[in-house]
């Protein structure tokens, strides 16, 4: 989601997030709400309680489990317990039951301790959601983010792309035997004529300051919108090469004194998108000891929904492919 300091905690606690065989499911439209560029799944428990889960390709998870806040467990009559996996233990949530017509897609493959979700505690910096449908969960499916229709769809096992859809390869890390080591998708965009390797991050979040809001004109809910991220070193290079690209010195307030920059055009496959605002992040957040540790290549930021938020986008995790199409006029 890239409230990045929270994301880092999730990643450290949720590894490994390793894909298994694609599950066989029919098409399922997930009950969601769409707010300022973000999808939130809103399944309803059997006791009538709703939960709110941000759908985040850059968020954590574990072997088919999604992430759940401990404070939400009690009101759903679920069970929180310890689960030992290999040489470490995690808190898992069991007996999560949702109404059939208001549920997320179940993961029928084997999961640690037959749990539904995992929990690493509450997130004091953000109480707007109950958990995350992250990489560890989403990678069990073919998932369509239909931004124009504002629908989130888990596709059937025999899904095929539309004739006009464009394939963009996704990059994942693999071991020497070819087995995938994590489910965080990497994508390469062309920015300023240079291939730029980024995390594909449907949860990338902007927290614009008043100055940032005025400059970007983005929709926000509770002060949050969508953005993309770029490391300081790349930000400085862009600013040096293109002094005409607008920079707001204190444009985002999640981290103090964070700059934002207006990039005139981004090439996403054959699609040309722009202008796109990028929010500065420290190099260490994405460097060899940061997010790049779990990526198939070194990444220098994250591609958020301000790049692909006008497209229909399907992630086929099993075939490591992203399919995008423009909405029909």
Protein backbone atom coordinates (compact mmCIF):
# COMPACT_ATOMS: atom_id res chain seq x y z
CA UNK A 1 0.00 0.00 0.00
CA UNK A 2 2.97 2.13 0.54
CA UNK A 3 2.17 3.80 3.62
CA UNK A 4 5.69 2.53 3.25
CA UNK A 5 6.76 2.20 6.86
CA UNK A 6 3.66 0.08 7.51
CA UNK A 7 4.23 -1.92 4.34
CA UNK A 8 7.75 -2.75 5.46
CA UNK A 9 6.41 -4.20 8.69
CA UNK A 10 3.96 -6.34 6.76
CA UNK A 11 6.59 -7.60 4.36
CA UNK A 12 9.00 -8.56 7.10
CA UNK A 13 6.28 -10.41 8.96
CA UNK A 14 4.58 -11.99 5.96
CA UNK A 15 7.39 -13.63 4.02
CA UNK A 16 7.53 -15.90 2.19
CA UNK A 17 4.63 -15.04 -0.13
CA UNK A 18 5.17 -17.81 -2.64
CA UNK A 19 2.71 -18.73 -5.37
CA UNK A 20 1.24 -22.17 -5.80
CA UNK A 21 -0.89 -23.49 -8.64
CA UNK A 22 -3.68 -21.22 -9.80
CA UNK A 23 -6.97 -22.05 -8.08
CA UNK A 24 -9.96 -23.14 -10.09
CA UNK A 25 -12.75 -20.68 -9.50
CA UNK A 26 -15.59 -19.21 -11.49
CA UNK A 27 -15.79 -15.48 -12.11
CA UNK A 28 -16.51 -13.64 -8.89
CA UNK A 29 -17.17 -9.94 -8.54
CA UNK A 30 -15.77 -9.00 -5.15
CA UNK A 31 -17.92 -6.62 -3.10
CA UNK A 32 -15.90 -3.42 -2.99
CA UNK A 33 -16.05 0.27 -2.45
CA UNK A 34 -13.89 2.53 -4.61
CA UNK A 35 -12.42 5.58 -2.95
CA UNK A 36 -10.00 8.07 -4.48
CA UNK A 37 -8.40 5.47 -6.75
CA UNK A 38 -8.27 2.59 -4.24
CA UNK A 39 -10.31 -0.59 -4.10
CA UNK A 40 -11.49 -1.72 -0.67
CA UNK A 41 -13.06 -5.17 -0.39
CA UNK A 42 -16.06 -5.05 1.96
CA UNK A 43 -17.20 -8.61 2.71
CA UNK A 44 -19.93 -9.14 5.32
CA UNK A 45 -19.46 -11.69 8.10
CA UNK A 46 -22.19 -14.12 9.11
CA UNK A 47 -22.95 -11.98 12.15
CA UNK A 48 -23.64 -8.99 9.89
CA UNK A 49 -20.38 -7.15 10.56
CA UNK A 50 -18.60 -5.68 7.54
CA UNK A 51 -14.83 -5.51 7.18
CA UNK A 52 -12.81 -3.20 5.00
CA UNK A 53 -9.71 -4.57 3.30
CA UNK A 54 -7.51 -2.47 1.02
CA UNK A 55 -6.65 -4.38 -2.17
CA UNK A 56 -2.91 -3.94 -2.49
CA UNK A 57 -0.62 -5.80 -4.90
CA UNK A 58 2.31 -4.37 -2.95
CA UNK A 59 0.94 -5.50 0.42
CA UNK A 60 1.98 -8.54 2.41
CA UNK A 61 0.40 -11.90 3.05
CA UNK A 62 1.48 -15.47 3.52
CA UNK A 63 0.72 -18.65 1.55
CA UNK A 64 -2.78 -17.58 0.56
CA UNK A 65 -3.48 -15.66 3.77
CA UNK A 66 -4.42 -12.01 3.79
CA UNK A 67 -3.62 -9.57 6.59
CA UNK A 68 -6.13 -8.72 9.31
CA UNK A 69 -6.09 -6.24 12.19
CA UNK A 70 -6.30 -7.83 15.59
CA UNK A 71 -8.86 -5.26 16.73
CA UNK A 72 -11.30 -6.49 14.06
CA UNK A 73 -11.07 -10.17 14.98
CA UNK A 74 -13.29 -9.99 18.06
CA UNK A 75 -16.27 -8.41 16.38
CA UNK A 76 -16.35 -11.17 13.74
CA UNK A 77 -16.46 -14.06 16.23
CA UNK A 78 -13.24 -15.37 14.71
CA UNK A 79 -10.35 -17.07 16.48
CA UNK A 80 -6.84 -15.69 16.86
CA UNK A 81 -4.13 -18.26 17.49
CA UNK A 82 -0.44 -19.00 16.95
CA UNK A 83 0.77 -20.94 13.95
CA UNK A 84 4.28 -22.36 13.61
CA UNK A 85 5.63 -22.26 10.08
CA UNK A 86 9.12 -23.64 9.51
CA UNK A 87 11.31 -21.90 12.10
CA UNK A 88 9.01 -19.02 13.07
CA UNK A 89 5.54 -18.42 14.44
CA UNK A 90 2.82 -16.08 13.24
CA UNK A 91 -0.55 -14.98 14.58
CA UNK A 92 -3.33 -16.36 12.37
CA UNK A 93 -7.08 -15.86 12.20
CA UNK A 94 -9.36 -18.87 11.83
CA UNK A 95 -13.11 -19.36 11.44
CA UNK A 96 -13.62 -16.22 9.35
CA UNK A 97 -16.99 -16.79 7.68
CA UNK A 98 -18.68 -14.41 5.27
CA UNK A 99 -22.12 -14.34 3.66
CA UNK A 100 -21.97 -16.23 0.33
CA UNK A 101 -23.20 -13.27 -1.71
CA UNK A 102 -20.96 -10.78 0.10
CA UNK A 103 -17.65 -12.60 0.35
CA UNK A 104 -14.14 -12.46 -1.01
CA UNK A 105 -12.96 -15.44 -3.07
CA UNK A 106 -11.96 -18.35 -0.81
CA UNK A 107 -8.53 -19.92 -1.23
CA UNK A 108 -9.12 -23.68 -1.50
CA UNK A 109 -5.44 -24.63 -1.55
CA UNK A 110 -3.65 -25.67 1.62
CA UNK A 111 -2.93 -22.77 3.96
CA UNK A 112 -0.80 -22.58 7.11
CA UNK A 113 -2.71 -24.10 10.05
CA UNK A 114 -5.87 -24.01 7.89
CA UNK A 115 -6.13 -20.30 8.69
CA UNK A 116 -7.95 -17.62 6.71
CA UNK A 117 -5.77 -14.63 7.50
CA UNK A 118 -2.76 -13.56 9.50
CA UNK A 119 -2.38 -10.67 11.91
CA UNK A 120 0.58 -8.63 13.03
CA UNK A 121 -1.31 -6.25 15.26
CA UNK A 122 -3.08 -2.96 14.80
CA UNK A 123 -1.86 -0.13 12.63
CA UNK A 124 -2.04 2.97 14.80
CA UNK A 125 -1.13 5.34 11.98
CA UNK A 126 -4.13 4.37 9.88
CA UNK A 127 -7.50 3.21 11.17
CA UNK A 128 -9.39 3.52 7.88
CA UNK A 129 -9.26 -0.22 7.08
CA UNK A 130 -9.35 -3.60 8.83
CA UNK A 131 -6.70 -5.36 6.78
CA UNK A 132 -5.04 -5.96 3.43
CA UNK A 133 -5.75 -8.26 0.51
CA UNK A 134 -2.11 -8.36 -0.49
CA UNK A 135 0.31 -10.31 -2.62
CA UNK A 136 0.12 -13.50 -0.57
CA UNK A 137 -3.62 -13.74 -1.24
CA UNK A 138 -4.05 -12.18 -4.69
CA UNK A 139 -1.40 -14.39 -6.30
CA UNK A 140 -3.73 -17.41 -5.97
CA UNK A 141 -5.99 -15.92 -8.62
CA UNK A 142 -6.29 -14.06 -11.91
CA UNK A 143 -7.46 -10.64 -10.76
CA UNK A 144 -8.99 -7.85 -12.84
CA UNK A 145 -8.90 -4.27 -11.61
CA UNK A 146 -11.51 -2.65 -13.83
CA UNK A 147 -10.93 0.98 -12.92
CA UNK A 148 -13.45 2.55 -15.35
CA UNK A 149 -16.21 0.21 -14.12
CA UNK A 150 -14.90 0.32 -10.54
CA UNK A 151 -15.11 -3.45 -10.27
CA UNK A 152 -12.71 -5.98 -8.79
CA UNK A 153 -13.09 -9.40 -10.39
CA UNK A 154 -11.53 -12.78 -9.65
CA UNK A 155 -11.53 -14.37 -13.09
CA UNK A 156 -12.41 -18.00 -13.90
CA UNK A 157 -9.75 -20.62 -14.41
CA UNK A 158 -10.23 -20.57 -18.20
CA UNK A 159 -10.01 -16.77 -18.50
CA UNK A 160 -8.53 -15.42 -21.71
CA UNK A 161 -7.60 -11.79 -22.47
CA UNK A 162 -9.71 -9.70 -24.81
CA UNK A 163 -8.49 -9.38 -28.37
CA UNK A 164 -7.53 -5.74 -27.87
CA UNK A 165 -5.70 -6.30 -24.57
CA UNK A 166 -1.96 -5.68 -24.42
CA UNK A 167 0.39 -8.02 -22.57
CA UNK A 168 3.05 -6.53 -20.32
CA UNK A 169 5.48 -8.98 -18.67
CA UNK A 170 5.69 -9.01 -14.90
CA UNK A 171 8.96 -9.70 -13.13
CA UNK A 172 9.11 -11.99 -10.09
CA UNK A 173 12.12 -13.48 -8.28
CA UNK A 174 12.83 -17.19 -8.77
CA UNK A 175 15.23 -19.64 -7.20
CA UNK A 176 17.68 -21.85 -9.08
CA UNK A 177 14.94 -24.44 -9.66
CA UNK A 178 12.66 -21.83 -11.20
CA UNK A 179 10.27 -21.67 -8.27
CA UNK A 180 8.88 -18.25 -7.48
CA UNK A 181 10.29 -16.75 -4.29
CA UNK A 182 7.76 -13.97 -3.73
CA UNK A 183 4.60 -12.59 -5.27
CA UNK A 184 5.41 -8.88 -5.47
CA UNK A 185 5.03 -7.95 -9.17
CA UNK A 186 7.66 -5.86 -10.88
CA UNK A 187 6.91 -3.87 -14.03
CA UNK A 188 9.12 -1.84 -16.36
CA UNK A 189 7.90 1.56 -17.58
CA UNK A 190 9.67 4.00 -19.88
CA UNK A 191 10.15 7.38 -18.21
CA UNK A 192 12.29 10.13 -19.69
CA UNK A 193 13.37 7.63 -22.33
CA UNK A 194 14.79 5.24 -19.73
CA UNK A 195 13.45 1.78 -18.68
CA UNK A 196 12.39 2.28 -15.08
CA UNK A 197 11.80 -0.77 -12.88
CA UNK A 198 8.97 -0.36 -10.38
CA UNK A 199 6.77 -2.34 -8.02
CA UNK A 200 3.24 -2.64 -9.42
CA UNK A 201 1.41 -1.20 -6.43
CA UNK A 202 -2.36 -0.79 -6.43
CA UNK A 203 -2.17 0.48 -2.86
CA UNK A 204 0.31 3.33 -3.39
CA UNK A 205 -1.12 6.20 -1.35
CA UNK A 206 -0.73 9.97 -1.46
CA UNK A 207 -1.15 12.11 1.64
CA UNK A 208 -1.04 15.52 -0.01
CA UNK A 209 -0.33 18.69 1.90
CA UNK A 210 -2.47 21.72 0.99
CA UNK A 211 0.23 22.75 -1.48
CA UNK A 212 0.38 19.24 -2.90
CA UNK A 213 -3.37 19.10 -3.25
CA UNK A 214 -3.50 22.40 -5.12
CA UNK A 215 -0.77 21.26 -7.52
CA UNK A 216 -2.04 17.75 -8.23
CA UNK A 217 -5.82 18.30 -8.23
CA UNK A 218 -6.29 14.69 -7.13
CA UNK A 219 -9.37 13.24 -5.54
CA UNK A 220 -8.92 12.43 -1.86
CA UNK A 221 -10.97 10.74 0.84
CA UNK A 222 -9.96 11.46 4.42
CA UNK A 223 -6.92 13.22 2.99
CA UNK A 224 -5.74 10.18 1.02
CA UNK A 225 -5.43 9.70 -2.74
CA UNK A 226 -3.26 7.80 -5.20
CA UNK A 227 0.29 8.44 -6.31
CA UNK A 228 3.39 6.68 -7.59
CA UNK A 229 6.76 6.58 -5.81
CA UNK A 230 10.30 7.29 -6.93
CA UNK A 231 13.59 7.22 -5.05
CA UNK A 232 15.36 10.44 -4.14
CA UNK A 233 18.28 9.75 -6.47
CA UNK A 234 16.02 9.30 -9.50
CA UNK A 235 13.92 12.29 -8.40
CA UNK A 236 17.08 14.43 -8.31
CA UNK A 237 18.12 13.22 -11.75
CA UNK A 238 14.74 14.05 -13.23
CA UNK A 239 14.76 17.47 -11.60
CA UNK A 240 18.26 18.20 -12.92
CA UNK A 241 17.47 17.05 -16.47
CA UNK A 242 14.04 18.70 -16.56
CA UNK A 243 13.90 21.88 -14.50
CA UNK A 244 10.60 22.59 -16.26
CA UNK A 245 8.95 19.63 -14.48
CA UNK A 246 7.03 21.14 -11.58
CA UNK A 247 8.25 20.26 -8.09
CA UNK A 248 6.40 20.93 -4.83
CA UNK A 249 8.89 20.95 -1.97
CA UNK A 250 6.48 19.86 0.75
CA UNK A 251 3.87 18.10 -1.29
CA UNK A 252 3.14 15.06 0.86
CA UNK A 253 2.98 14.82 4.63
CA UNK A 254 3.38 11.09 5.39
CA UNK A 255 7.11 11.76 5.69
CA UNK A 256 8.06 15.32 6.53
CA UNK A 257 9.59 17.52 3.80
CA UNK A 258 8.58 15.09 1.05
CA UNK A 259 8.75 16.46 -2.48
CA UNK A 260 6.49 15.57 -5.40
CA UNK A 261 7.33 15.96 -9.08
CA UNK A 262 5.14 16.23 -12.18
CA UNK A 263 6.42 13.91 -14.92
CA UNK A 264 5.01 14.92 -18.28
CA UNK A 265 4.60 11.43 -19.74
CA UNK A 266 4.99 7.77 -18.78
CA UNK A 267 4.97 4.88 -21.24
CA UNK A 268 3.04 1.94 -19.77
CA UNK A 269 3.38 -0.67 -22.49
CA UNK A 270 2.16 1.17 -25.59
CA UNK A 271 -0.11 3.41 -23.51
CA UNK A 272 1.12 6.94 -22.96
CA UNK A 273 -0.04 8.42 -19.68
CA UNK A 274 0.57 11.88 -18.35
CA UNK A 275 1.15 14.02 -16.59
CA UNK A 276 1.90 11.72 -13.62
CA UNK A 277 2.89 12.90 -10.16
CA UNK A 278 5.56 10.93 -8.29
CA UNK A 279 6.14 11.16 -4.55
CA UNK A 280 9.74 11.07 -3.29
CA UNK A 281 10.93 8.19 -1.13
CA UNK A 282 14.36 7.52 0.43
CA UNK A 283 16.59 5.29 -1.69
CA UNK A 284 16.86 2.80 1.17
CA UNK A 285 13.13 2.08 1.02
CA UNK A 286 13.50 0.46 -2.40
CA UNK A 287 17.20 -0.41 -2.44
CA UNK A 288 18.95 -3.78 -2.01
CA UNK A 289 18.02 -3.88 1.68
CA UNK A 290 14.54 -2.49 1.07
CA UNK A 291 11.76 -3.54 -1.29
CA UNK A 292 14.20 -4.84 -3.91
CA UNK A 293 15.08 -7.73 -1.59
CA UNK A 294 11.75 -9.33 -2.55
CA UNK A 295 11.62 -8.32 -6.19
CA UNK A 296 12.83 -10.00 -9.36
CA UNK A 297 14.96 -6.95 -10.18
CA UNK A 298 16.14 -3.82 -8.42
CA UNK A 299 13.25 -1.36 -8.27
CA UNK A 300 13.43 2.40 -7.81
CA UNK A 301 9.85 3.07 -6.81
CA UNK A 302 6.26 1.98 -7.29
CA UNK A 303 3.74 2.38 -10.09
CA UNK A 304 0.45 3.48 -8.55
CA UNK A 305 -3.08 3.90 -9.88
CA UNK A 306 -2.42 7.45 -11.08
CA UNK A 307 -0.65 5.67 -13.98
CA UNK A 308 -3.14 2.89 -14.81
CA UNK A 309 -6.28 4.13 -13.09
CA UNK A 310 -8.08 4.79 -16.39
CA UNK A 311 -7.47 1.24 -17.66
CA UNK A 312 -8.87 -2.23 -17.24
CA UNK A 313 -5.97 -4.22 -15.83
CA UNK A 314 -5.77 -7.99 -15.30
CA UNK A 315 -2.93 -9.64 -13.37
CA UNK A 316 -2.39 -13.26 -14.37
CA UNK A 317 -0.03 -14.31 -11.59
CA UNK A 318 0.42 -17.88 -12.80
CA UNK A 319 1.66 -16.73 -16.21
CA UNK A 320 3.46 -13.66 -14.79
CA UNK A 321 1.64 -11.35 -17.15
CA UNK A 322 -0.26 -8.09 -16.92
CA UNK A 323 -2.99 -7.38 -19.46
CA UNK A 324 -4.27 -3.85 -20.02
CA UNK A 325 -6.99 -2.45 -22.24
CA UNK A 326 -8.49 0.96 -22.79
CA UNK A 327 -12.21 1.38 -22.02
CA UNK A 328 -14.45 1.43 -25.06
CA UNK A 329 -15.85 4.89 -25.75
